[in-house]
């Protein structure tokens, strides 16, 4: 199973929601949190679960000013960077 990252600005008034699905492994949450921090994001809420060796994690994030990430290029940068990190540390 390849990792997937979906970003959603519709379901929360205050946050961008990141839905991350990937094979579960030791250090996965660290990789995600480190990447989001490196991208200058604040994690306000994390919902973490595992279903049969598959991580299904949801993060409510905001930028350094506490705002949703609205710029489409910035959203794609975050998604790409997170996928790169998830695929690079198998």
PDB file of N, CA and C in Angstrom:
ATOM      1  N   UNK A   1       0.837  -1.184   0.000  1.00  0.00           N
ATOM      2  CA  UNK A   1       0.000   0.000   0.000  1.00  0.00           C
ATOM      3  C   UNK A   1       0.884   1.249   0.000  1.00  0.00           C
ATOM      4  N   UNK A   2       0.649   2.110  -0.924  1.00  0.00           N
ATOM      5  CA  UNK A   2       1.381   3.373  -1.006  1.00  0.00           C
ATOM      6  C   UNK A   2       0.738   4.405  -0.069  1.00  0.00           C
ATOM      7  N   UNK A   3       1.538   5.248   0.553  1.00  0.00           N
ATOM      8  CA  UNK A   3       0.980   6.307   1.393  1.00  0.00           C
ATOM      9  C   UNK A   3       0.131   7.280   0.571  1.00  0.00           C
ATOM     10  N   UNK A   4      -0.908   7.812   1.193  1.00  0.00           N
ATOM     11  CA  UNK A   4      -1.713   8.866   0.583  1.00  0.00           C
ATOM     12  C   UNK A   4      -1.861  10.011   1.572  1.00  0.00           C
ATOM     13  N   UNK A   5      -1.956  11.219   1.037  1.00  0.00           N
ATOM     14  CA  UNK A   5      -2.161  12.414   1.850  1.00  0.00           C
ATOM     15  C   UNK A   5      -3.251  13.231   1.183  1.00  0.00           C
ATOM     16  N   UNK A   6      -4.301  13.522   1.923  1.00  0.00           N
ATOM     17  CA  UNK A   6      -5.372  14.382   1.417  1.00  0.00           C
ATOM     18  C   UNK A   6      -5.474  15.604   2.318  1.00  0.00           C
ATOM     19  N   UNK A   7      -5.648  16.762   1.686  1.00  0.00           N
ATOM     20  CA  UNK A   7      -5.809  18.012   2.425  1.00  0.00           C
ATOM     21  C   UNK A   7      -7.223  18.523   2.198  1.00  0.00           C
ATOM     22  N   UNK A   8      -7.836  19.011   3.270  1.00  0.00           N
ATOM     23  CA  UNK A   8      -9.227  19.405   3.215  1.00  0.00           C
ATOM     24  C   UNK A   8      -9.403  20.730   3.959  1.00  0.00           C
ATOM     25  N   UNK A   9      -9.973  21.696   3.280  1.00  0.00           N
ATOM     26  CA  UNK A   9     -10.276  22.983   3.916  1.00  0.00           C
ATOM     27  C   UNK A   9     -11.774  23.191   4.096  1.00  0.00           C
ATOM     28  N   UNK A  10     -12.565  22.190   3.786  1.00  0.00           N
ATOM     29  CA  UNK A  10     -14.022  22.343   3.827  1.00  0.00           C
ATOM     30  C   UNK A  10     -14.646  21.943   5.166  1.00  0.00           C
ATOM     31  N   UNK A  11     -14.056  20.981   5.853  1.00  0.00           N
ATOM     32  CA  UNK A  11     -14.711  20.389   7.019  1.00  0.00           C
ATOM     33  C   UNK A  11     -14.386  21.045   8.354  1.00  0.00           C
ATOM     34  N   UNK A  12     -13.535  22.036   8.347  1.00  0.00           N
ATOM     35  CA  UNK A  12     -13.213  22.760   9.581  1.00  0.00           C
ATOM     36  C   UNK A  12     -13.158  24.256   9.278  1.00  0.00           C
ATOM     37  N   UNK A  13     -13.732  25.026  10.138  1.00  0.00           N
ATOM     38  CA  UNK A  13     -13.730  26.482   9.956  1.00  0.00           C
ATOM     39  C   UNK A  13     -12.347  27.085  10.177  1.00  0.00           C
ATOM     40  N   UNK A  14     -11.584  26.503  11.100  1.00  0.00           N
ATOM     41  CA  UNK A  14     -10.336  27.121  11.528  1.00  0.00           C
ATOM     42  C   UNK A  14      -9.059  26.419  11.075  1.00  0.00           C
ATOM     43  N   UNK A  15      -9.165  25.185  10.633  1.00  0.00           N
ATOM     44  CA  UNK A  15      -7.958  24.406  10.349  1.00  0.00           C
ATOM     45  C   UNK A  15      -8.009  23.750   8.976  1.00  0.00           C
ATOM     46  N   UNK A  16      -6.826  23.484   8.441  1.00  0.00           N
ATOM     47  CA  UNK A  16      -6.684  22.607   7.288  1.00  0.00           C
ATOM     48  C   UNK A  16      -6.545  21.195   7.851  1.00  0.00           C
ATOM     49  N   UNK A  17      -7.280  20.270   7.282  1.00  0.00           N
ATOM     50  CA  UNK A  17      -7.255  18.887   7.759  1.00  0.00           C
ATOM     51  C   UNK A  17      -6.395  18.054   6.815  1.00  0.00           C
ATOM     52  N   UNK A  18      -5.432  17.344   7.387  1.00  0.00           N
ATOM     53  CA  UNK A  18      -4.579  16.427   6.630  1.00  0.00           C
ATOM     54  C   UNK A  18      -4.960  15.004   7.007  1.00  0.00           C
ATOM     55  N   UNK A  19      -5.320  14.228   6.019  1.00  0.00           N
ATOM     56  CA  UNK A  19      -5.652  12.821   6.203  1.00  0.00           C
ATOM     57  C   UNK A  19      -4.493  12.018   5.626  1.00  0.00           C
ATOM     58  N   UNK A  20      -3.797  11.287   6.488  1.00  0.00           N
ATOM     59  CA  UNK A  20      -2.622  10.524   6.083  1.00  0.00           C
ATOM     60  C   UNK A  20      -2.910   9.041   6.280  1.00  0.00           C
ATOM     61  N   UNK A  21      -2.701   8.276   5.214  1.00  0.00           N
ATOM     62  CA  UNK A  21      -2.848   6.821   5.289  1.00  0.00           C
ATOM     63  C   UNK A  21      -1.568   6.199   4.760  1.00  0.00           C
ATOM     64  N   UNK A  22      -1.015   5.289   5.562  1.00  0.00           N
ATOM     65  CA  UNK A  22       0.263   4.687   5.195  1.00  0.00           C
ATOM     66  C   UNK A  22       0.435   3.372   5.951  1.00  0.00           C
ATOM     67  N   UNK A  23       1.296   2.501   5.444  1.00  0.00           N
ATOM     68  CA  UNK A  23       1.607   1.301   6.224  1.00  0.00           C
ATOM     69  C   UNK A  23       2.182   1.722   7.572  1.00  0.00           C
ATOM     70  N   UNK A  24       1.677   1.130   8.638  1.00  0.00           N
ATOM     71  CA  UNK A  24       2.163   1.488   9.966  1.00  0.00           C
ATOM     72  C   UNK A  24       3.565   0.927  10.177  1.00  0.00           C
ATOM     73  N   UNK A  25       4.386   1.691  10.862  1.00  0.00           N
ATOM     74  CA  UNK A  25       5.751   1.268  11.157  1.00  0.00           C
ATOM     75  C   UNK A  25       6.272   2.109  12.327  1.00  0.00           C
ATOM     76  N   UNK A  26       7.326   1.623  12.910  1.00  0.00           N
ATOM     77  CA  UNK A  26       7.978   2.338  14.000  1.00  0.00           C
ATOM     78  C   UNK A  26       8.481   3.683  13.482  1.00  0.00           C
ATOM     79  N   UNK A  27       8.160   4.760  14.168  1.00  0.00           N
ATOM     80  CA  UNK A  27       8.634   6.085  13.795  1.00  0.00           C
ATOM     81  C   UNK A  27       7.753   6.837  12.811  1.00  0.00           C
ATOM     82  N   UNK A  28       6.631   6.255  12.414  1.00  0.00           N
ATOM     83  CA  UNK A  28       5.765   6.914  11.428  1.00  0.00           C
ATOM     84  C   UNK A  28       5.250   8.263  11.934  1.00  0.00           C
ATOM     85  N   UNK A  29       4.745   8.301  13.137  1.00  0.00           N
ATOM     86  CA  UNK A  29       4.228   9.569  13.669  1.00  0.00           C
ATOM     87  C   UNK A  29       5.334  10.612  13.797  1.00  0.00           C
ATOM     88  N   UNK A  30       6.514  10.172  14.166  1.00  0.00           N
ATOM     89  CA  UNK A  30       7.646  11.091  14.246  1.00  0.00           C
ATOM     90  C   UNK A  30       7.929  11.696  12.870  1.00  0.00           C
ATOM     91  N   UNK A  31       7.948  10.870  11.842  1.00  0.00           N
ATOM     92  CA  UNK A  31       8.201  11.343  10.481  1.00  0.00           C
ATOM     93  C   UNK A  31       7.163  12.371  10.058  1.00  0.00           C
ATOM     94  N   UNK A  32       5.908  12.093  10.345  1.00  0.00           N
ATOM     95  CA  UNK A  32       4.829  13.020   9.970  1.00  0.00           C
ATOM     96  C   UNK A  32       4.964  14.332  10.733  1.00  0.00           C
ATOM     97  N   UNK A  33       5.101  14.245  12.053  1.00  0.00           N
ATOM     98  CA  UNK A  33       5.185  15.452  12.884  1.00  0.00           C
ATOM     99  C   UNK A  33       6.413  16.288  12.533  1.00  0.00           C
ATOM    100  N   UNK A  34       7.537  15.644  12.301  1.00  0.00           N
ATOM    101  CA  UNK A  34       8.764  16.352  11.938  1.00  0.00           C
ATOM    102  C   UNK A  34       8.584  17.088  10.612  1.00  0.00           C
ATOM    103  N   UNK A  35       7.991  16.434   9.640  1.00  0.00           N
ATOM    104  CA  UNK A  35       7.778  17.052   8.333  1.00  0.00           C
ATOM    105  C   UNK A  35       6.824  18.237   8.432  1.00  0.00           C
ATOM    106  N   UNK A  36       5.745  18.079   9.170  1.00  0.00           N
ATOM    107  CA  UNK A  36       4.786  19.187   9.319  1.00  0.00           C
ATOM    108  C   UNK A  36       5.439  20.372  10.030  1.00  0.00           C
ATOM    109  N   UNK A  37       6.253  20.084  11.027  1.00  0.00           N
ATOM    110  CA  UNK A  37       6.960  21.150  11.741  1.00  0.00           C
ATOM    111  C   UNK A  37       7.957  21.850  10.825  1.00  0.00           C
ATOM    112  N   UNK A  38       8.687  21.079  10.040  1.00  0.00           N
ATOM    113  CA  UNK A  38       9.634  21.666   9.092  1.00  0.00           C
ATOM    114  C   UNK A  38       8.929  22.554   8.060  1.00  0.00           C
ATOM    115  N   UNK A  39       7.681  22.244   7.780  1.00  0.00           N
ATOM    116  CA  UNK A  39       6.884  23.052   6.850  1.00  0.00           C
ATOM    117  C   UNK A  39       6.246  24.264   7.531  1.00  0.00           C
ATOM    118  N   UNK A  40       6.541  24.461   8.809  1.00  0.00           N
ATOM    119  CA  UNK A  40       6.039  25.627   9.526  1.00  0.00           C
ATOM    120  C   UNK A  40       4.591  25.515   9.970  1.00  0.00           C
ATOM    121  N   UNK A  41       4.112  24.285  10.116  1.00  0.00           N
ATOM    122  CA  UNK A  41       2.722  24.081  10.508  1.00  0.00           C
ATOM    123  C   UNK A  41       2.616  23.780  11.994  1.00  0.00           C
ATOM    124  N   UNK A  42       1.501  24.207  12.560  1.00  0.00           N
ATOM    125  CA  UNK A  42       1.165  23.908  13.953  1.00  0.00           C
ATOM    126  C   UNK A  42       0.098  22.831  13.958  1.00  0.00           C
ATOM    127  N   UNK A  43       0.307  21.785  14.725  1.00  0.00           N
ATOM    128  CA  UNK A  43      -0.677  20.713  14.853  1.00  0.00           C
ATOM    129  C   UNK A  43      -1.536  21.026  16.065  1.00  0.00           C
ATOM    130  N   UNK A  44      -2.829  21.276  15.829  1.00  0.00           N
ATOM    131  CA  UNK A  44      -3.734  21.594  16.934  1.00  0.00           C
ATOM    132  C   UNK A  44      -4.446  20.359  17.464  1.00  0.00           C
ATOM    133  N   UNK A  45      -4.648  19.381  16.599  1.00  0.00           N
ATOM    134  CA  UNK A  45      -5.343  18.155  16.991  1.00  0.00           C
ATOM    135  C   UNK A  45      -4.854  17.035  16.103  1.00  0.00           C
ATOM    136  N   UNK A  46      -4.627  15.872  16.691  1.00  0.00           N
ATOM    137  CA  UNK A  46      -4.248  14.690  15.925  1.00  0.00           C
ATOM    138  C   UNK A  46      -5.149  13.536  16.344  1.00  0.00           C
ATOM    139  N   UNK A  47      -5.700  12.844  15.364  1.00  0.00           N
ATOM    140  CA  UNK A  47      -6.505  11.642  15.599  1.00  0.00           C
ATOM    141  C   UNK A  47      -5.743  10.489  14.971  1.00  0.00           C
ATOM    142  N   UNK A  48      -5.234   9.618  15.806  1.00  0.00           N
ATOM    143  CA  UNK A  48      -4.335   8.563  15.379  1.00  0.00           C
ATOM    144  C   UNK A  48      -5.016   7.215  15.548  1.00  0.00           C
ATOM    145  N   UNK A  49      -4.985   6.400  14.487  1.00  0.00           N
ATOM    146  CA  UNK A  49      -5.517   5.045  14.604  1.00  0.00           C
ATOM    147  C   UNK A  49      -4.777   4.118  13.648  1.00  0.00           C
ATOM    148  N   UNK A  50      -4.882   2.833  13.953  1.00  0.00           N
ATOM    149  CA  UNK A  50      -4.265   1.813  13.109  1.00  0.00           C
ATOM    150  C   UNK A  50      -5.321   0.757  12.822  1.00  0.00           C
ATOM    151  N   UNK A  51      -5.414   0.387  11.551  1.00  0.00           N
ATOM    152  CA  UNK A  51      -6.346  -0.655  11.122  1.00  0.00           C
ATOM    153  C   UNK A  51      -5.554  -1.702  10.355  1.00  0.00           C
ATOM    154  N   UNK A  52      -5.316  -2.847  10.971  1.00  0.00           N
ATOM    155  CA  UNK A  52      -4.626  -3.963  10.325  1.00  0.00           C
ATOM    156  C   UNK A  52      -3.326  -3.530   9.655  1.00  0.00           C
ATOM    157  N   UNK A  53      -2.395  -3.014  10.430  1.00  0.00           N
ATOM    158  CA  UNK A  53      -1.064  -2.595   9.956  1.00  0.00           C
ATOM    159  C   UNK A  53      -1.102  -1.374   9.048  1.00  0.00           C
ATOM    160  N   UNK A  54      -2.186  -0.666   9.053  1.00  0.00           N
ATOM    161  CA  UNK A  54      -2.334   0.537   8.232  1.00  0.00           C
ATOM    162  C   UNK A  54      -2.671   1.716   9.147  1.00  0.00           C
ATOM    163  N   UNK A  55      -1.834   2.732   9.099  1.00  0.00           N
ATOM    164  CA  UNK A  55      -2.084   3.928   9.901  1.00  0.00           C
ATOM    165  C   UNK A  55      -3.106   4.805   9.180  1.00  0.00           C
ATOM    166  N   UNK A  56      -4.079   5.273   9.936  1.00  0.00           N
ATOM    167  CA  UNK A  56      -5.093   6.196   9.436  1.00  0.00           C
ATOM    168  C   UNK A  56      -5.079   7.377  10.404  1.00  0.00           C
ATOM    169  N   UNK A  57      -4.329   8.430  10.031  1.00  0.00           N
ATOM    170  CA  UNK A  57      -4.085   9.549  10.927  1.00  0.00           C
ATOM    171  C   UNK A  57      -4.635  10.842  10.341  1.00  0.00           C
ATOM    172  N   UNK A  58      -5.234  11.633  11.197  1.00  0.00           N
ATOM    173  CA  UNK A  58      -5.817  12.906  10.772  1.00  0.00           C
ATOM    174  C   UNK A  58      -5.230  14.010  11.647  1.00  0.00           C
ATOM    175  N   UNK A  59      -4.766  15.072  10.987  1.00  0.00           N
ATOM    176  CA  UNK A  59      -4.149  16.195  11.681  1.00  0.00           C
ATOM    177  C   UNK A  59      -4.872  17.481  11.320  1.00  0.00           C
ATOM    178  N   UNK A  60      -5.214  18.268  12.326  1.00  0.00           N
ATOM    179  CA  UNK A  60      -5.796  19.599  12.124  1.00  0.00           C
ATOM    180  C   UNK A  60      -4.650  20.583  12.280  1.00  0.00           C
ATOM    181  N   UNK A  61      -4.309  21.273  11.204  1.00  0.00           N
ATOM    182  CA  UNK A  61      -3.124  22.124  11.210  1.00  0.00           C
ATOM    183  C   UNK A  61      -3.449  23.552  10.798  1.00  0.00           C
ATOM    184  N   UNK A  62      -2.535  24.438  11.179  1.00  0.00           N
ATOM    185  CA  UNK A  62      -2.618  25.842  10.770  1.00  0.00           C
ATOM    186  C   UNK A  62      -1.201  26.339  10.489  1.00  0.00           C
ATOM    187  N   UNK A  63      -1.126  27.499   9.846  1.00  0.00           N
ATOM    188  CA  UNK A  63       0.192  28.071   9.547  1.00  0.00           C
ATOM    189  C   UNK A  63       0.736  28.799  10.771  1.00  0.00           C
ATOM    190  N   UNK A  64       1.878  29.453  10.601  1.00  0.00           N
ATOM    191  CA  UNK A  64       2.527  30.127  11.736  1.00  0.00           C
ATOM    192  C   UNK A  64       1.717  31.291  12.299  1.00  0.00           C
ATOM    193  N   UNK A  65       0.718  31.765  11.550  1.00  0.00           N
ATOM    194  CA  UNK A  65      -0.170  32.830  12.048  1.00  0.00           C
ATOM    195  C   UNK A  65      -1.479  32.285  12.606  1.00  0.00           C
ATOM    196  N   UNK A  66      -1.603  30.959  12.636  1.00  0.00           N
ATOM    197  CA  UNK A  66      -2.808  30.330  13.159  1.00  0.00           C
ATOM    198  C   UNK A  66      -3.941  30.260  12.146  1.00  0.00           C
ATOM    199  N   UNK A  67      -3.622  30.398  10.874  1.00  0.00           N
ATOM    200  CA  UNK A  67      -4.631  30.403   9.809  1.00  0.00           C
ATOM    201  C   UNK A  67      -4.595  29.092   9.018  1.00  0.00           C
ATOM    202  N   UNK A  68      -5.718  28.803   8.361  1.00  0.00           N
ATOM    203  CA  UNK A  68      -5.756  27.696   7.408  1.00  0.00           C
ATOM    204  C   UNK A  68      -4.755  27.954   6.294  1.00  0.00           C
ATOM    205  N   UNK A  69      -4.326  26.898   5.659  1.00  0.00           N
ATOM    206  CA  UNK A  69      -3.463  27.035   4.487  1.00  0.00           C
ATOM    207  C   UNK A  69      -4.392  27.071   3.278  1.00  0.00           C
ATOM    208  N   UNK A  70      -4.468  28.207   2.623  1.00  0.00           N
ATOM    209  CA  UNK A  70      -5.429  28.379   1.528  1.00  0.00           C
ATOM    210  C   UNK A  70      -4.789  28.385   0.141  1.00  0.00           C
ATOM    211  N   UNK A  71      -3.530  28.742   0.069  1.00  0.00           N
ATOM    212  CA  UNK A  71      -2.853  28.831  -1.223  1.00  0.00           C
ATOM    213  C   UNK A  71      -2.693  27.432  -1.821  1.00  0.00           C
ATOM    214  N   UNK A  72      -3.251  27.184  -3.030  1.00  0.00           N
ATOM    215  CA  UNK A  72      -3.168  25.853  -3.646  1.00  0.00           C
ATOM    216  C   UNK A  72      -1.732  25.365  -3.851  1.00  0.00           C
ATOM    217  N   UNK A  73      -0.818  26.256  -4.179  1.00  0.00           N
ATOM    218  CA  UNK A  73       0.577  25.849  -4.364  1.00  0.00           C
ATOM    219  C   UNK A  73       1.201  25.415  -3.037  1.00  0.00           C
ATOM    220  N   UNK A  74       0.868  26.120  -1.986  1.00  0.00           N
ATOM    221  CA  UNK A  74       1.376  25.774  -0.653  1.00  0.00           C
ATOM    222  C   UNK A  74       0.804  24.425  -0.201  1.00  0.00           C
ATOM    223  N   UNK A  75      -0.484  24.215  -0.463  1.00  0.00           N
ATOM    224  CA  UNK A  75      -1.111  22.939  -0.116  1.00  0.00           C
ATOM    225  C   UNK A  75      -0.416  21.786  -0.838  1.00  0.00           C
ATOM    226  N   UNK A  76      -0.129  21.968  -2.117  1.00  0.00           N
ATOM    227  CA  UNK A  76       0.537  20.928  -2.895  1.00  0.00           C
ATOM    228  C   UNK A  76       1.963  20.712  -2.405  1.00  0.00           C
ATOM    229  N   UNK A  77       2.637  21.778  -2.011  1.00  0.00           N
ATOM    230  CA  UNK A  77       3.988  21.659  -1.461  1.00  0.00           C
ATOM    231  C   UNK A  77       3.975  20.803  -0.200  1.00  0.00           C
ATOM    232  N   UNK A  78       3.017  21.055   0.678  1.00  0.00           N
ATOM    233  CA  UNK A  78       2.904  20.292   1.924  1.00  0.00           C
ATOM    234  C   UNK A  78       2.622  18.822   1.616  1.00  0.00           C
ATOM    235  N   UNK A  79       1.677  18.581   0.732  1.00  0.00           N
ATOM    236  CA  UNK A  79       1.314  17.208   0.360  1.00  0.00           C
ATOM    237  C   UNK A  79       2.521  16.472  -0.229  1.00  0.00           C
ATOM    238  N   UNK A  80       3.210  17.120  -1.152  1.00  0.00           N
ATOM    239  CA  UNK A  80       4.368  16.499  -1.802  1.00  0.00           C
ATOM    240  C   UNK A  80       5.487  16.212  -0.815  1.00  0.00           C
ATOM    241  N   UNK A  81       5.747  17.153   0.055  1.00  0.00           N
ATOM    242  CA  UNK A  81       6.817  17.008   1.053  1.00  0.00           C
ATOM    243  C   UNK A  81       6.521  15.861   2.018  1.00  0.00           C
ATOM    244  N   UNK A  82       5.254  15.766   2.413  1.00  0.00           N
ATOM    245  CA  UNK A  82       4.862  14.692   3.316  1.00  0.00           C
ATOM    246  C   UNK A  82       4.959  13.331   2.619  1.00  0.00           C
ATOM    247  N   UNK A  83       4.505  13.244   1.386  1.00  0.00           N
ATOM    248  CA  UNK A  83       4.631  11.983   0.644  1.00  0.00           C
ATOM    249  C   UNK A  83       6.094  11.602   0.448  1.00  0.00           C
ATOM    250  N   UNK A  84       6.916  12.572   0.164  1.00  0.00           N
ATOM    251  CA  UNK A  84       8.358  12.330   0.002  1.00  0.00           C
ATOM    252  C   UNK A  84       8.943  11.749   1.295  1.00  0.00           C
ATOM    253  N   UNK A  85       8.574  12.334   2.413  1.00  0.00           N
ATOM    254  CA  UNK A  85       9.069  11.862   3.699  1.00  0.00           C
ATOM    255  C   UNK A  85       8.554  10.450   4.000  1.00  0.00           C
ATOM    256  N   UNK A  86       7.299  10.189   3.714  1.00  0.00           N
ATOM    257  CA  UNK A  86       6.708   8.872   3.981  1.00  0.00           C
ATOM    258  C   UNK A  86       7.313   7.804   3.086  1.00  0.00           C
ATOM    259  N   UNK A  87       7.572   8.128   1.851  1.00  0.00           N
ATOM    260  CA  UNK A  87       8.141   7.158   0.926  1.00  0.00           C
ATOM    261  C   UNK A  87       9.639   6.988   1.110  1.00  0.00           C
ATOM    262  N   UNK A  88      10.291   7.997   1.656  1.00  0.00           N
ATOM    263  CA  UNK A  88      11.735   7.958   1.820  1.00  0.00           C
ATOM    264  C   UNK A  88      12.211   7.191   3.035  1.00  0.00           C
ATOM    265  N   UNK A  89      11.307   6.932   3.968  1.00  0.00           N
ATOM    266  CA  UNK A  89      11.713   6.264   5.214  1.00  0.00           C
ATOM    267  C   UNK A  89      10.960   4.964   5.400  1.00  0.00           C
ATOM    268  N   UNK A  90      10.982   4.127   4.382  1.00  0.00           N
ATOM    269  CA  UNK A  90      10.301   2.829   4.476  1.00  0.00           C
ATOM    270  C   UNK A  90      11.119   1.855   5.302  1.00  0.00           C
TER     271      UNK A  90
END
